[in-house]
C-alpha atoms as a PDB file:
ATOM      1  CA  MET A   1     102.868 142.156 201.836  1.00  0.00           C
ATOM      2  CA  ILE A   2     105.565 142.281 199.171  1.00  0.00           C
ATOM      3  CA  PRO A   3     106.812 145.690 197.958  1.00  0.00           C
ATOM      4  CA  ASN A   4     104.837 145.824 194.697  1.00  0.00           C
ATOM      5  CA  GLU A   5     101.608 144.921 196.533  1.00  0.00           C
ATOM      6  CA  LYS A   6     102.271 147.588 199.175  1.00  0.00           C
ATOM      7  CA  ALA A   7     103.073 150.140 196.453  1.00  0.00           C
ATOM      8  CA  ASP A   8      99.781 149.424 194.701  1.00  0.00           C
ATOM      9  CA  SER A   9      97.888 149.555 197.999  1.00  0.00           C
ATOM     10  CA  ILE A  10      99.292 152.988 198.896  1.00  0.00           C
ATOM     11  CA  PHE A  11      98.642 154.286 195.373  1.00  0.00           C
ATOM     12  CA  GLN A  12      95.045 153.024 195.438  1.00  0.00           C
ATOM     13  CA  GLN A  13      94.442 154.705 198.798  1.00  0.00           C
ATOM     14  CA  MET A  14      95.694 158.018 197.419  1.00  0.00           C
ATOM     15  CA  TYR A  15      93.583 157.570 194.302  1.00  0.00           C
ATOM     16  CA  LYS A  16      90.433 156.951 196.377  1.00  0.00           C
ATOM     17  CA  ILE A  17      91.095 160.149 198.308  1.00  0.00           C
ATOM     18  CA  LEU A  18      91.903 162.318 195.290  1.00  0.00           C
ATOM     19  CA  TRP A  19      89.584 160.962 192.567  1.00  0.00           C
ATOM     20  CA  HIS A  20      86.843 163.491 193.317  1.00  0.00           C
ATOM     21  CA  THR A  21      89.265 166.363 192.687  1.00  0.00           C
ATOM     22  CA  ASN A  22      89.793 165.176 189.107  1.00  0.00           C
ATOM     23  CA  SER A  23      93.435 164.629 189.966  1.00  0.00           C
ATOM     24  CA  ASP A  24      95.645 162.974 187.418  1.00  0.00           C
ATOM     25  CA  PRO A  25      96.987 159.554 188.503  1.00  0.00           C
ATOM     26  CA  ILE A  26     100.424 161.187 188.440  1.00  0.00           C
ATOM     27  CA  HIS A  27      99.347 163.336 191.402  1.00  0.00           C
ATOM     28  CA  CYS A  28      98.241 160.220 193.273  1.00  0.00           C
ATOM     29  CA  LYS A  29     101.615 158.658 192.546  1.00  0.00           C
ATOM     30  CA  GLN A  30     103.398 161.758 193.835  1.00  0.00           C
ATOM     31  CA  CYS A  31     101.341 161.686 197.039  1.00  0.00           C
ATOM     32  CA  ALA A  32     102.146 158.010 197.552  1.00  0.00           C
ATOM     33  CA  ILE A  33     105.863 158.733 197.123  1.00  0.00           C
ATOM     34  CA  VAL A  34     105.635 161.569 199.655  1.00  0.00           C
ATOM     35  CA  ALA A  35     103.990 159.176 202.129  1.00  0.00           C
ATOM     36  CA  VAL A  36     106.783 156.613 201.720  1.00  0.00           C
ATOM     37  CA  ASP A  37     109.436 159.342 201.986  1.00  0.00           C
ATOM     38  CA  GLU A  38     107.903 160.392 205.311  1.00  0.00           C
ATOM     39  CA  ILE A  39     108.086 156.807 206.565  1.00  0.00           C
ATOM     40  CA  LEU A  40     111.751 156.670 205.559  1.00  0.00           C
ATOM     41  CA  LYS A  41     112.484 160.016 207.233  1.00  0.00           C
ATOM     42  CA  ALA A  42     110.887 158.842 210.437  1.00  0.00           C
ATOM     43  CA  GLY A  43     113.482 156.088 210.556  1.00  0.00           C
ATOM     44  CA  LYS A  44     111.033 153.638 212.021  1.00  0.00           C
ATOM     45  CA  ASP A  45     110.510 150.032 211.072  1.00  0.00           C
ATOM     46  CA  VAL A  46     106.821 150.165 210.264  1.00  0.00           C
ATOM     47  CA  ASP A  47     105.155 146.752 210.347  1.00  0.00           C
ATOM     48  CA  GLU A  48     108.540 145.270 211.255  1.00  0.00           C
ATOM     49  CA  PHE A  49     109.982 145.941 207.793  1.00  0.00           C
ATOM     50  CA  SER A  50     113.304 147.664 207.277  1.00  0.00           C
ATOM     51  CA  ASP A  51     114.047 150.837 205.334  1.00  0.00           C
ATOM     52  CA  SER A  52     115.105 148.677 202.383  1.00  0.00           C
ATOM     53  CA  TYR A  53     111.511 147.396 202.215  1.00  0.00           C
ATOM     54  CA  TRP A  54     110.187 150.951 201.974  1.00  0.00           C
ATOM     55  CA  LEU A  55     112.794 151.858 199.366  1.00  0.00           C
ATOM     56  CA  GLN A  56     111.529 148.913 197.297  1.00  0.00           C
ATOM     57  CA  VAL A  57     107.950 150.102 197.799  1.00  0.00           C
ATOM     58  CA  LYS A  58     108.935 153.563 196.578  1.00  0.00           C
ATOM     59  CA  GLN A  59     110.571 152.037 193.477  1.00  0.00           C
ATOM     60  CA  GLU A  60     107.404 150.066 192.762  1.00  0.00           C
ATOM     61  CA  ILE A  61     105.284 153.221 193.055  1.00  0.00           C
ATOM     62  CA  GLU A  62     107.580 154.963 190.604  1.00  0.00           C
ATOM     63  CA  LYS A  63     106.934 152.116 188.134  1.00  0.00           C
ATOM     64  CA  LEU A  64     103.148 152.622 188.262  1.00  0.00           C
END
């Protein structure tokens, strides 16, 4: 999955979780960024992608 697809996927997952709380999409975006930051902090290559992949995902989330 390319970074912009992964960014959208993470955002959509957060939105599905938070929609019932009447959360603004900005809150969903912030949650998605927190999730990616945690992946980066863990220092693991999730799904065999490097940290640079997750940094690109974070940038794509910020563009949403």
